[in-house]
Amino acid sequence: MIVAAKRRSMDDTGGSTTRERDPTLERALGRAWADDRTWNLLSRLTALPDRMGGSSGERRAAAFVRDSLEEAGVADVRIDEFSMRHWQRGTTEFAVTDVDEGTDAPATERSFEAIALPYCPPGDLEGPLVDVGYGTPEEIDEVNLRGAIAVASTTTPSDRRFVHRMEKFGHAVAAGAEAFVFANHVPGQLPPTGALKFDAEAAIPGVGVSAETHDWLVEYATQDAQARLRVDASTTDGTSRNVHGTLGPETDEEILLLAHYDAHDIAEGALDNGCGIATVAGTASILAALEDDLECRVRIAGVGCEEIGLLGAEALAEDLDLESVRAVVNVDGAGRFRNLQALSHASEPLAALAEDVADSAGQPIVHDRDPHPFSDHWPFLRAGVPSLQLHSEPADGGERGRGWGHTAADTRDKVEPRNLREHAMLIALLVRELTGAEVPRIAADELRERFEDQNYVPGMRAAEVWPSAWE
C-alpha cells in the first residue's frame, strides 16, 4: 500500500508525477499495519454466545465496542439505549408428511433441519409444498400459493435485479401462503437466517433450510407433497444500544462513520458484521493519529439491531440533526474479503472520491452505483444524506449471495487479519479526504427515480420499506 499524501506535483515535462511525503500519515499507516486492535475486537465479539438484537450478548458487545473506541482515541464515547421488539427463537420442526418411497409400503414422513427466521411468529400448520423458484414476483404470480408453503431460493438470476429475502416473503404473504421456506442456493453452507420483517412479528411463519434440503423439497413439490411446520418463538418489548463518539474539530457539520455490531444468534457473526465494526475500530485509531488533518468532525458509531430492521441506525438518525451530517460511510461487509467494494447509492461524487482514494493507494476497488435500502445507510439516504456503503468481495468475484453470512458457519476462522487492517487504512484515507469534500445531497425525486428505474418499487412495498413521503 502506498503510504504518501494524495497531493501530487507535475514534473517539468508534464509527464510523470511525484508524491509529497506526509510523515504523520506514514507513521499512522505503518502502525496500523501491525495493529492488533481489529483482530482483538473481532475475537471478543465472536467469543460471545450471540449478539442478537436486544439480547444480553448484544449488550456486552456494545460495551466491548465502547472500550475499543475509547482505546483508539475517540472522544466522548457514550452508549445510548433505544426501544425495540426482542425476538427469541424456540424449537422448529419441519417435515414432509406424505413421502412416496416408490414401493408398496405406505407413504412415510421425512423430517428436515430448519431454523426459524427472526420475527417468525409461533405456528403449527400443514399445507402443500409449492416451489416458487427464485421467489421473484413473476414466479409467485404464476403459481397458486393460497394455503401453501412457499419454497424460494436465496439467490436471483445474475442477469436480473437482486430480489431481497423480505421482498420474496412479502410477495408470498400477499399471494396467500401459509408459510415461507427460504432455501440456501450454495451447497454446504447450511440453513440461512434473516429477518422476515422489521421490528414486528411477521404475518406467517418463515424458516431457512440448506441447499441440500432444497433439492428434495423441489422434487417433493412436483409430487404435490404436503408438509408440516411447527415453530416456537416469541416477540416481546426490549432494548438495544448505540455506541458513538467523535474525532476532529468542533464543526457544525460532520461525517458519520458507522457499522453495526449485532449478529444473528445462530453463529459468531464474524463476517456479518464483526469484520465491519472491527474495521471501524481500526479506522478510528488511524483517524485519531491524523486528527489535525480532519477538516470537519467525524462521528464514529457502532449501531445495534441492524439484522432485525436497521433499528439502531433509525434511532441514531432520529437523535442527530441530519442537516448537519455531510455524508455517511456505512461499513457493512468491508474486511470480509480481499477487494473493497464501494456502493455509492446514486452519488457520483462519492463514487469518484472512493475511486480516487483507491487509485492513489494502488488498491483495487469494485463499484456499484445503484441504491438499495437494506443496510444502515438507509435512514440517512432516505433523508437525502449522501451515503457510501463499503463492502468487499473475493478477488475472483465470488458467487452471488451472502456466502457463509447468515449461517451457523459465519465464524472467525473465515477472516483474514490483513483484510481488516488494509480496509481500515483505506477507509481512514477515504474519510480524511471526505472531511474536506463538498458532496451534494441526494434529492428525493432523484432517489425515487433511481429506485423506480431498478424496478425496486414493488419489492420495497412488499418489504414495507417504501417511504410514505414518496407516495
Protein backbone atom coordinates (compact mmCIF):
# COMPACT_ATOMS: atom_id res chain seq x y z
CA MET A 1 0.00 0.00 0.00
CA ILE A 2 1.28 3.49 -0.87
CA VAL A 3 1.76 5.50 2.31
CA ALA A 4 2.02 9.03 0.98
CA ALA A 5 -0.18 12.07 0.77
CA LYS A 6 -2.70 12.36 -2.01
CA ARG A 7 -1.24 15.69 -3.19
CA ARG A 8 0.81 15.41 -6.38
CA SER A 9 3.17 17.70 -8.29
CA MET A 10 3.86 17.53 -12.02
CA ASP A 11 7.40 17.40 -13.33
CA ASP A 12 8.62 19.97 -15.87
CA THR A 13 7.58 17.83 -18.81
CA GLY A 14 4.04 17.35 -17.56
CA GLY A 15 4.54 13.60 -17.62
CA SER A 16 5.26 11.59 -14.50
CA THR A 17 4.16 12.65 -11.05
CA THR A 18 5.77 12.57 -7.64
CA ARG A 19 4.13 12.48 -4.25
CA GLU A 20 4.87 14.76 -1.34
CA ARG A 21 5.76 12.77 1.74
CA ASP A 22 3.48 13.06 4.74
CA PRO A 23 5.40 11.70 7.76
CA THR A 24 2.35 11.81 10.05
CA LEU A 25 0.30 9.76 7.60
CA GLU A 26 3.16 7.34 7.02
CA ARG A 27 3.57 6.74 10.76
CA ALA A 28 -0.18 6.24 11.26
CA LEU A 29 -0.46 3.74 8.43
CA GLY A 30 2.74 2.00 9.49
CA ARG A 31 1.41 1.47 12.98
CA ALA A 32 -1.91 0.26 11.56
CA TRP A 33 -0.14 -2.46 9.59
CA ALA A 34 0.93 -4.10 12.86
CA ASP A 35 -2.12 -3.10 14.94
CA ASP A 36 -3.99 -5.99 16.55
CA ARG A 37 -6.93 -3.78 17.53
CA THR A 38 -9.21 -5.05 14.75
CA TRP A 39 -8.48 -8.71 15.42
CA ASN A 40 -8.82 -8.32 19.18
CA LEU A 41 -12.25 -6.69 18.92
CA LEU A 42 -13.40 -9.30 16.41
CA SER A 43 -12.24 -12.05 18.77
CA ARG A 44 -14.05 -10.57 21.77
CA LEU A 45 -17.27 -10.20 19.81
CA THR A 46 -17.21 -13.66 18.25
CA ALA A 47 -16.46 -15.31 21.62
CA LEU A 48 -19.85 -14.15 22.95
CA PRO A 49 -22.69 -16.71 22.96
CA ASP A 50 -24.55 -14.48 20.48
CA ARG A 51 -25.16 -10.82 19.62
CA MET A 52 -28.83 -10.99 18.61
CA GLY A 53 -30.59 -7.63 18.79
CA GLY A 54 -31.92 -6.96 22.29
CA SER A 55 -30.04 -9.87 23.90
CA SER A 56 -27.64 -9.81 26.84
CA GLY A 57 -24.88 -10.72 24.37
CA GLU A 58 -25.60 -7.63 22.32
CA ARG A 59 -25.39 -5.51 25.48
CA ARG A 60 -21.97 -6.95 26.29
CA ALA A 61 -20.89 -6.36 22.69
CA ALA A 62 -21.83 -2.68 22.99
CA ALA A 63 -19.50 -2.38 25.99
CA PHE A 64 -16.69 -4.04 24.01
CA VAL A 65 -17.21 -1.56 21.15
CA ARG A 66 -17.20 1.38 23.59
CA ASP A 67 -13.92 0.20 25.14
CA SER A 68 -12.33 -0.28 21.72
CA LEU A 69 -13.31 3.18 20.50
CA GLU A 70 -12.06 4.82 23.69
CA GLU A 71 -8.74 2.96 23.41
CA ALA A 72 -8.50 4.14 19.79
CA GLY A 73 -8.70 7.77 20.92
CA VAL A 74 -12.33 8.60 20.12
CA ALA A 75 -13.63 11.35 22.42
CA ASP A 76 -16.86 11.50 24.43
CA VAL A 77 -17.85 7.90 23.69
CA ARG A 78 -21.28 7.11 25.07
CA ILE A 79 -23.90 4.38 24.93
CA ASP A 80 -27.48 5.38 24.07
CA GLU A 81 -30.36 2.96 24.71
CA PHE A 82 -33.42 2.65 22.48
CA SER A 83 -36.60 0.57 22.49
CA MET A 84 -37.17 -2.34 20.12
CA ARG A 85 -39.08 -5.61 19.77
CA HIS A 86 -36.99 -8.52 21.05
CA TRP A 87 -37.48 -11.78 19.15
CA GLN A 88 -36.39 -15.07 20.69
CA ARG A 89 -36.31 -18.40 18.91
CA GLY A 90 -37.52 -21.66 20.37
CA THR A 91 -37.73 -25.01 18.60
CA THR A 92 -38.53 -25.62 14.93
CA GLU A 93 -39.83 -28.83 13.35
CA PHE A 94 -40.24 -29.22 9.59
CA ALA A 95 -41.31 -32.41 7.82
CA VAL A 96 -42.70 -33.60 4.52
CA THR A 97 -45.63 -35.71 5.60
CA ASP A 98 -46.50 -37.97 2.66
CA VAL A 99 -43.24 -39.10 1.10
CA ASP A 100 -43.84 -41.81 -1.52
CA GLU A 101 -40.86 -44.18 -1.33
CA GLY A 102 -41.77 -45.89 -4.59
CA THR A 103 -42.67 -49.22 -3.03
CA ASP A 104 -45.82 -50.96 -1.88
CA ALA A 105 -45.21 -49.51 1.61
CA PRO A 106 -47.49 -46.66 2.73
CA ALA A 107 -46.25 -43.09 2.43
CA THR A 108 -43.92 -42.02 5.25
CA GLU A 109 -42.88 -38.80 6.94
CA ARG A 110 -39.45 -37.25 6.43
CA SER A 111 -38.02 -34.56 8.71
CA PHE A 112 -35.57 -31.85 7.67
CA GLU A 113 -33.41 -29.40 9.59
CA ALA A 114 -34.84 -25.88 9.53
CA ILE A 115 -34.33 -22.67 11.53
CA ALA A 116 -36.94 -20.02 12.20
CA LEU A 117 -36.26 -16.59 10.69
CA PRO A 118 -36.32 -13.54 13.03
CA TYR A 119 -39.79 -12.16 13.78
CA CYS A 120 -41.28 -15.50 12.75
CA PRO A 121 -44.47 -15.98 14.79
CA PRO A 122 -45.21 -19.24 16.57
CA GLY A 123 -47.26 -21.65 14.49
CA ASP A 124 -48.35 -25.22 13.85
CA LEU A 125 -49.61 -25.77 10.31
CA GLU A 126 -49.77 -28.08 7.32
CA GLY A 127 -50.03 -27.35 3.61
CA PRO A 128 -48.86 -28.33 0.14
CA LEU A 129 -45.28 -27.56 -0.86
CA VAL A 130 -45.12 -25.11 -3.78
CA ASP A 131 -41.79 -24.32 -5.46
CA VAL A 132 -41.61 -20.62 -6.42
CA GLY A 133 -38.12 -20.85 -7.90
CA TYR A 134 -36.13 -17.71 -7.12
CA GLY A 135 -39.14 -16.13 -5.45
CA THR A 136 -39.40 -13.28 -7.94
CA PRO A 137 -42.77 -11.53 -8.26
CA GLU A 138 -43.29 -13.05 -11.69
CA GLU A 139 -42.70 -16.61 -10.45
CA ILE A 140 -45.01 -16.14 -7.47
CA ASP A 141 -47.72 -14.81 -9.78
CA GLU A 142 -47.51 -18.00 -11.86
CA VAL A 143 -48.48 -20.41 -9.06
CA ASN A 144 -51.30 -20.85 -6.57
CA LEU A 145 -49.96 -20.17 -3.08
CA ARG A 146 -53.32 -19.99 -1.31
CA GLY A 147 -52.90 -22.12 1.83
CA ALA A 148 -49.50 -23.41 0.64
CA ILE A 149 -45.93 -23.49 1.96
CA ALA A 150 -43.82 -21.47 -0.48
CA VAL A 151 -40.24 -22.61 -1.15
CA ALA A 152 -37.88 -19.95 -2.54
CA SER A 153 -34.14 -19.86 -3.31
CA THR A 154 -31.87 -17.32 -1.62
CA THR A 155 -30.45 -16.16 -4.96
CA THR A 156 -31.72 -14.39 -8.09
CA PRO A 157 -30.53 -14.90 -11.70
CA SER A 158 -27.37 -12.87 -12.35
CA ASP A 159 -28.95 -11.01 -15.27
CA ARG A 160 -31.76 -9.66 -13.09
CA ARG A 161 -32.14 -7.25 -10.18
CA PHE A 162 -31.38 -8.97 -6.88
CA VAL A 163 -34.60 -9.74 -5.02
CA HIS A 164 -34.20 -9.44 -1.26
CA ARG A 165 -35.49 -12.05 1.19
CA MET A 166 -38.03 -9.62 2.69
CA GLU A 167 -39.42 -8.89 -0.75
CA LYS A 168 -39.85 -12.59 -1.55
CA PHE A 169 -41.56 -13.12 1.79
CA GLY A 170 -43.84 -10.11 1.29
CA HIS A 171 -44.98 -11.32 -2.12
CA ALA A 172 -45.62 -14.82 -0.73
CA VAL A 173 -47.75 -13.39 2.09
CA ALA A 174 -49.72 -11.27 -0.39
CA ALA A 175 -50.33 -14.38 -2.52
CA GLY A 176 -51.94 -16.21 0.40
CA ALA A 177 -49.12 -18.51 1.53
CA GLU A 178 -49.41 -20.13 4.97
CA ALA A 179 -45.63 -20.34 5.46
CA PHE A 180 -42.36 -19.44 3.72
CA VAL A 181 -39.23 -21.57 3.28
CA PHE A 182 -36.01 -19.73 2.39
CA ALA A 183 -33.52 -22.19 0.84
CA ASN A 184 -29.78 -21.59 0.57
CA HIS A 185 -28.60 -21.79 -3.03
CA VAL A 186 -24.97 -22.67 -2.19
CA PRO A 187 -24.21 -26.32 -1.35
CA GLY A 188 -22.62 -26.98 2.02
CA GLN A 189 -23.49 -23.59 3.50
CA LEU A 190 -26.24 -24.67 5.89
CA PRO A 191 -29.70 -23.20 6.56
CA PRO A 192 -29.71 -19.38 6.26
CA THR A 193 -31.37 -16.89 8.57
CA GLY A 194 -32.54 -13.30 8.11
CA ALA A 195 -35.41 -11.15 9.34
CA LEU A 196 -38.84 -11.55 7.78
CA LYS A 197 -39.94 -8.10 8.86
CA PHE A 198 -38.56 -5.00 10.60
CA ASP A 199 -39.19 -4.70 14.36
CA ALA A 200 -42.55 -6.51 14.36
CA GLU A 201 -43.92 -10.04 14.32
CA ALA A 202 -44.45 -11.33 10.79
CA ALA A 203 -47.81 -12.39 9.38
CA ILE A 204 -46.87 -16.04 8.73
CA PRO A 205 -44.03 -18.35 9.82
CA GLY A 206 -40.81 -18.44 7.81
CA VAL A 207 -37.83 -20.79 8.08
CA GLY A 208 -34.46 -21.34 6.43
CA VAL A 209 -33.20 -24.65 5.00
CA SER A 210 -29.99 -25.82 3.31
CA ALA A 211 -29.36 -26.22 -0.41
CA GLU A 212 -29.36 -29.97 0.10
CA THR A 213 -32.82 -29.86 1.69
CA HIS A 214 -33.98 -27.53 -1.09
CA ASP A 215 -33.10 -30.18 -3.67
CA TRP A 216 -35.51 -32.61 -2.01
CA LEU A 217 -38.24 -30.04 -1.45
CA VAL A 218 -38.28 -29.08 -5.13
CA GLU A 219 -38.73 -32.75 -6.06
CA TYR A 220 -41.44 -33.30 -3.44
CA ALA A 221 -43.27 -30.21 -4.68
CA THR A 222 -43.58 -31.79 -8.12
CA GLN A 223 -45.28 -34.75 -6.37
CA ASP A 224 -47.86 -32.49 -4.71
CA ALA A 225 -46.44 -33.41 -1.31
CA GLN A 226 -47.77 -32.00 1.95
CA ALA A 227 -45.53 -30.59 4.69
CA ARG A 228 -45.93 -29.71 8.35
CA LEU A 229 -44.22 -26.82 10.14
CA ARG A 230 -44.13 -26.19 13.89
CA VAL A 231 -42.36 -23.14 15.28
CA ASP A 232 -41.95 -21.95 18.85
CA ALA A 233 -40.87 -18.29 19.09
CA SER A 234 -41.76 -15.10 20.97
CA THR A 235 -41.64 -11.34 20.40
CA THR A 236 -41.58 -9.03 23.44
CA ASP A 237 -40.61 -5.46 24.36
CA GLY A 238 -36.85 -4.97 24.66
CA THR A 239 -33.98 -2.51 24.38
CA SER A 240 -30.80 -2.20 22.35
CA ARG A 241 -27.86 0.21 22.27
CA ASN A 242 -25.88 2.53 20.02
CA VAL A 243 -22.27 3.45 20.80
CA HIS A 244 -20.78 6.67 19.42
CA GLY A 245 -18.18 9.39 19.93
CA THR A 246 -16.28 11.97 17.87
CA LEU A 247 -12.91 12.86 16.41
CA GLY A 248 -11.63 16.05 14.81
CA PRO A 249 -12.53 19.71 15.13
CA GLU A 250 -15.79 21.02 16.58
CA THR A 251 -17.57 21.99 13.38
CA ASP A 252 -21.22 22.48 12.53
CA GLU A 253 -21.09 19.64 10.02
CA GLU A 254 -19.85 16.10 10.47
CA ILE A 255 -19.09 12.89 8.62
CA LEU A 256 -20.75 9.81 10.12
CA LEU A 257 -18.71 6.58 10.03
CA LEU A 258 -20.73 3.64 11.31
CA ALA A 259 -21.04 -0.14 11.37
CA HIS A 260 -23.44 -2.48 13.07
CA TYR A 261 -22.09 -4.79 15.76
CA ASP A 262 -25.08 -7.10 16.25
CA ALA A 263 -25.36 -10.53 14.60
CA HIS A 264 -27.79 -13.39 14.24
CA ASP A 265 -28.00 -15.77 17.18
CA ILE A 266 -27.13 -18.93 15.25
CA ALA A 267 -23.45 -18.04 14.70
CA GLU A 268 -20.46 -15.98 15.80
CA GLY A 269 -21.27 -13.22 13.31
CA ALA A 270 -17.64 -12.84 12.25
CA LEU A 271 -18.22 -11.85 8.63
CA ASP A 272 -21.55 -10.14 9.25
CA ASN A 273 -20.67 -7.80 10.76
CA GLY A 274 -17.86 -8.45 13.19
CA CYS A 275 -15.48 -7.58 10.37
CA GLY A 276 -17.24 -4.27 9.76
CA ILE A 277 -17.21 -2.96 13.32
CA ALA A 278 -13.66 -4.24 13.89
CA THR A 279 -12.55 -2.40 10.74
CA VAL A 280 -14.20 0.78 12.03
CA ALA A 281 -12.28 0.46 15.31
CA GLY A 282 -9.04 0.20 13.30
CA THR A 283 -10.07 3.17 11.17
CA ALA A 284 -10.81 5.22 14.31
CA SER A 285 -7.29 4.62 15.61
CA ILE A 286 -5.76 5.85 12.35
CA LEU A 287 -8.03 8.90 12.21
CA ALA A 288 -7.14 9.75 15.81
CA ALA A 289 -3.49 9.91 14.75
CA LEU A 290 -4.50 12.13 11.79
CA GLU A 291 -6.88 14.31 13.79
CA ASP A 292 -5.12 17.55 12.83
CA ASP A 293 -5.74 16.72 9.14
CA LEU A 294 -9.51 16.34 9.55
CA GLU A 295 -11.38 19.38 8.22
CA CYS A 296 -14.68 18.61 9.99
CA ARG A 297 -15.89 16.48 12.85
CA VAL A 298 -16.13 12.72 12.34
CA ARG A 299 -18.67 10.78 14.38
CA ILE A 300 -17.75 7.12 14.89
CA ALA A 301 -20.68 4.83 15.69
CA GLY A 302 -21.44 1.19 16.37
CA VAL A 303 -25.17 0.57 15.99
CA GLY A 304 -27.33 -2.29 17.22
CA CYS A 305 -30.18 -4.27 15.67
CA GLU A 306 -29.25 -3.91 12.00
CA GLU A 307 -30.11 -7.53 11.31
CA ILE A 308 -33.68 -7.15 12.53
CA GLY A 309 -34.60 -3.85 10.92
CA LEU A 310 -31.84 -1.18 10.87
CA LEU A 311 -33.23 -0.20 14.28
CA GLY A 312 -30.02 1.26 15.69
CA ALA A 313 -29.43 3.34 12.58
CA GLU A 314 -33.02 4.58 12.71
CA ALA A 315 -32.58 5.59 16.37
CA LEU A 316 -29.28 7.35 15.62
CA ALA A 317 -30.82 9.20 12.66
CA GLU A 318 -33.61 10.44 14.94
CA ASP A 319 -31.09 11.70 17.51
CA LEU A 320 -28.84 13.56 15.06
CA ASP A 321 -29.50 16.75 13.13
CA LEU A 322 -29.42 15.24 9.65
CA GLU A 323 -28.90 18.65 8.08
CA SER A 324 -25.50 18.68 9.78
CA VAL A 325 -24.50 15.23 8.51
CA ARG A 326 -22.48 15.88 5.37
CA ALA A 327 -22.17 12.22 4.38
CA VAL A 328 -22.45 8.69 5.81
CA VAL A 329 -19.88 5.93 5.42
CA ASN A 330 -21.55 2.63 6.29
CA VAL A 331 -19.06 -0.21 6.83
CA ASP A 332 -21.20 -3.28 6.26
CA GLY A 333 -19.21 -6.06 4.66
CA ALA A 334 -15.75 -4.48 4.47
CA GLY A 335 -12.95 -6.61 5.86
CA ARG A 336 -14.56 -9.92 4.87
CA PHE A 337 -12.77 -10.49 1.58
CA ARG A 338 -9.76 -9.21 -0.34
CA ASN A 339 -11.13 -6.41 -2.51
CA LEU A 340 -13.00 -3.40 -1.19
CA GLN A 341 -16.38 -2.74 -2.79
CA ALA A 342 -17.96 0.72 -2.78
CA LEU A 343 -21.72 1.16 -3.13
CA SER A 344 -22.24 4.87 -3.75
CA HIS A 345 -26.08 4.85 -3.72
CA ALA A 346 -26.63 7.27 -6.62
CA SER A 347 -23.94 9.76 -5.51
CA GLU A 348 -21.43 10.19 -8.32
CA PRO A 349 -19.16 12.47 -6.21
CA LEU A 350 -18.87 9.74 -3.57
CA ALA A 351 -18.14 7.15 -6.25
CA ALA A 352 -15.42 9.37 -7.72
CA LEU A 353 -13.89 10.06 -4.31
CA ALA A 354 -13.74 6.35 -3.46
CA GLU A 355 -12.12 5.60 -6.81
CA ASP A 356 -9.56 8.40 -6.39
CA VAL A 357 -8.54 7.19 -2.94
CA ALA A 358 -8.23 3.57 -4.10
CA ASP A 359 -6.19 4.60 -7.14
CA SER A 360 -3.94 6.81 -5.02
CA ALA A 361 -3.28 3.91 -2.65
CA GLY A 362 -2.75 1.46 -5.51
CA GLN A 363 -5.60 -0.74 -4.31
CA PRO A 364 -8.40 -2.33 -6.37
CA ILE A 365 -11.97 -1.30 -5.66
CA VAL A 366 -15.23 -2.63 -7.07
CA HIS A 367 -18.03 -0.14 -7.75
CA ASP A 368 -21.80 -0.40 -7.54
CA ARG A 369 -23.65 2.88 -8.05
CA ASP A 370 -27.25 1.68 -7.63
CA PRO A 371 -29.03 2.41 -4.33
CA HIS A 372 -30.65 -0.17 -2.07
CA PRO A 373 -32.47 0.17 1.29
CA PHE A 374 -31.21 -2.89 3.18
CA SER A 375 -28.37 -1.61 5.38
CA ASP A 376 -27.67 1.09 7.96
CA HIS A 377 -27.17 3.90 5.45
CA TRP A 378 -30.88 3.79 4.56
CA PRO A 379 -32.35 6.07 7.30
CA PHE A 380 -29.84 8.71 6.22
CA LEU A 381 -30.02 8.21 2.45
CA ARG A 382 -33.82 8.35 2.68
CA ALA A 383 -33.40 11.86 4.12
CA GLY A 384 -31.07 12.92 1.29
CA VAL A 385 -27.71 12.38 3.04
CA PRO A 386 -25.08 11.12 0.54
CA SER A 387 -24.19 7.59 1.61
CA LEU A 388 -21.32 5.26 0.82
CA GLN A 389 -21.53 1.61 1.85
CA LEU A 390 -18.24 -0.24 1.99
CA HIS A 391 -18.43 -3.96 1.34
CA SER A 392 -15.90 -6.45 -0.01
CA GLU A 393 -15.71 -9.38 -2.36
CA PRO A 394 -13.23 -12.16 -3.21
CA ALA A 395 -10.55 -11.37 -5.77
CA ASP A 396 -12.23 -13.75 -8.23
CA GLY A 397 -15.60 -12.03 -7.78
CA GLY A 398 -17.12 -14.99 -5.95
CA GLU A 399 -20.65 -16.34 -6.23
CA ARG A 400 -23.68 -14.12 -5.89
CA GLY A 401 -25.14 -14.17 -2.39
CA ARG A 402 -24.04 -13.94 1.24
CA GLY A 403 -21.72 -16.93 1.31
CA TRP A 404 -21.22 -18.03 4.94
CA GLY A 405 -23.04 -14.98 6.27
CA HIS A 406 -26.40 -15.58 8.00
CA THR A 407 -25.49 -19.23 8.63
CA ALA A 408 -24.04 -21.11 11.61
CA ALA A 409 -20.71 -21.20 9.74
CA ASP A 410 -20.17 -17.42 9.97
CA THR A 411 -17.17 -17.94 12.24
CA ARG A 412 -13.86 -16.21 12.95
CA ASP A 413 -11.76 -18.76 11.05
CA LYS A 414 -13.17 -17.35 7.78
CA VAL A 415 -11.48 -13.96 8.44
CA GLU A 416 -8.01 -12.85 7.34
CA PRO A 417 -6.46 -10.21 9.66
CA ARG A 418 -4.73 -8.47 6.74
CA ASN A 419 -8.09 -7.67 5.15
CA LEU A 420 -9.22 -5.94 8.35
CA ARG A 421 -6.02 -3.88 8.52
CA GLU A 422 -5.89 -2.92 4.86
CA HIS A 423 -9.54 -1.92 4.73
CA ALA A 424 -9.15 0.11 7.94
CA MET A 425 -6.32 2.02 6.26
CA LEU A 426 -8.26 2.59 3.04
CA ILE A 427 -11.34 3.75 4.92
CA ALA A 428 -9.24 6.14 7.02
CA LEU A 429 -7.80 7.65 3.84
CA LEU A 430 -11.27 7.96 2.36
CA VAL A 431 -12.81 9.58 5.45
CA ARG A 432 -9.88 12.01 5.72
CA GLU A 433 -10.49 13.17 2.16
CA LEU A 434 -14.25 13.27 2.70
CA THR A 435 -13.89 15.73 5.60
CA GLY A 436 -12.63 18.29 3.10
CA ALA A 437 -15.05 17.50 0.27
CA GLU A 438 -18.37 19.09 -0.63
CA VAL A 439 -20.80 16.36 -1.61
CA PRO A 440 -24.25 17.42 -2.88
CA ARG A 441 -27.26 15.99 -1.10
CA ILE A 442 -29.48 13.49 -2.91
CA ALA A 443 -32.82 14.96 -3.97
CA ALA A 444 -35.84 12.83 -3.04
CA ASP A 445 -37.16 12.89 -6.61
CA GLU A 446 -33.82 11.74 -8.00
CA LEU A 447 -33.52 8.93 -5.45
CA ARG A 448 -37.06 7.76 -6.05
CA GLU A 449 -36.43 7.76 -9.79
CA ARG A 450 -33.34 5.59 -9.34
CA PHE A 451 -35.35 3.03 -7.36
CA GLU A 452 -38.09 3.12 -9.99
CA ASP A 453 -35.51 2.60 -12.76
CA GLN A 454 -34.27 -0.52 -10.92
CA ASN A 455 -37.85 -1.80 -10.63
CA TYR A 456 -37.39 -1.74 -6.86
CA VAL A 457 -40.78 -0.22 -6.03
CA PRO A 458 -42.83 -3.48 -5.82
CA GLY A 459 -40.15 -5.09 -3.69
CA MET A 460 -39.83 -2.16 -1.30
CA ARG A 461 -43.59 -2.07 -0.92
CA ALA A 462 -43.70 -5.82 -0.29
CA ALA A 463 -40.96 -5.45 2.33
CA GLU A 464 -42.77 -2.42 3.78
CA VAL A 465 -39.76 -0.10 3.44
CA TRP A 466 -41.11 2.23 0.73
CA PRO A 467 -41.06 5.75 2.28
CA SER A 468 -44.52 7.13 2.95
CA ALA A 469 -43.22 10.56 1.90
CA TRP A 470 -42.74 9.18 -1.62
CA GLU A 471 -46.40 8.23 -2.04
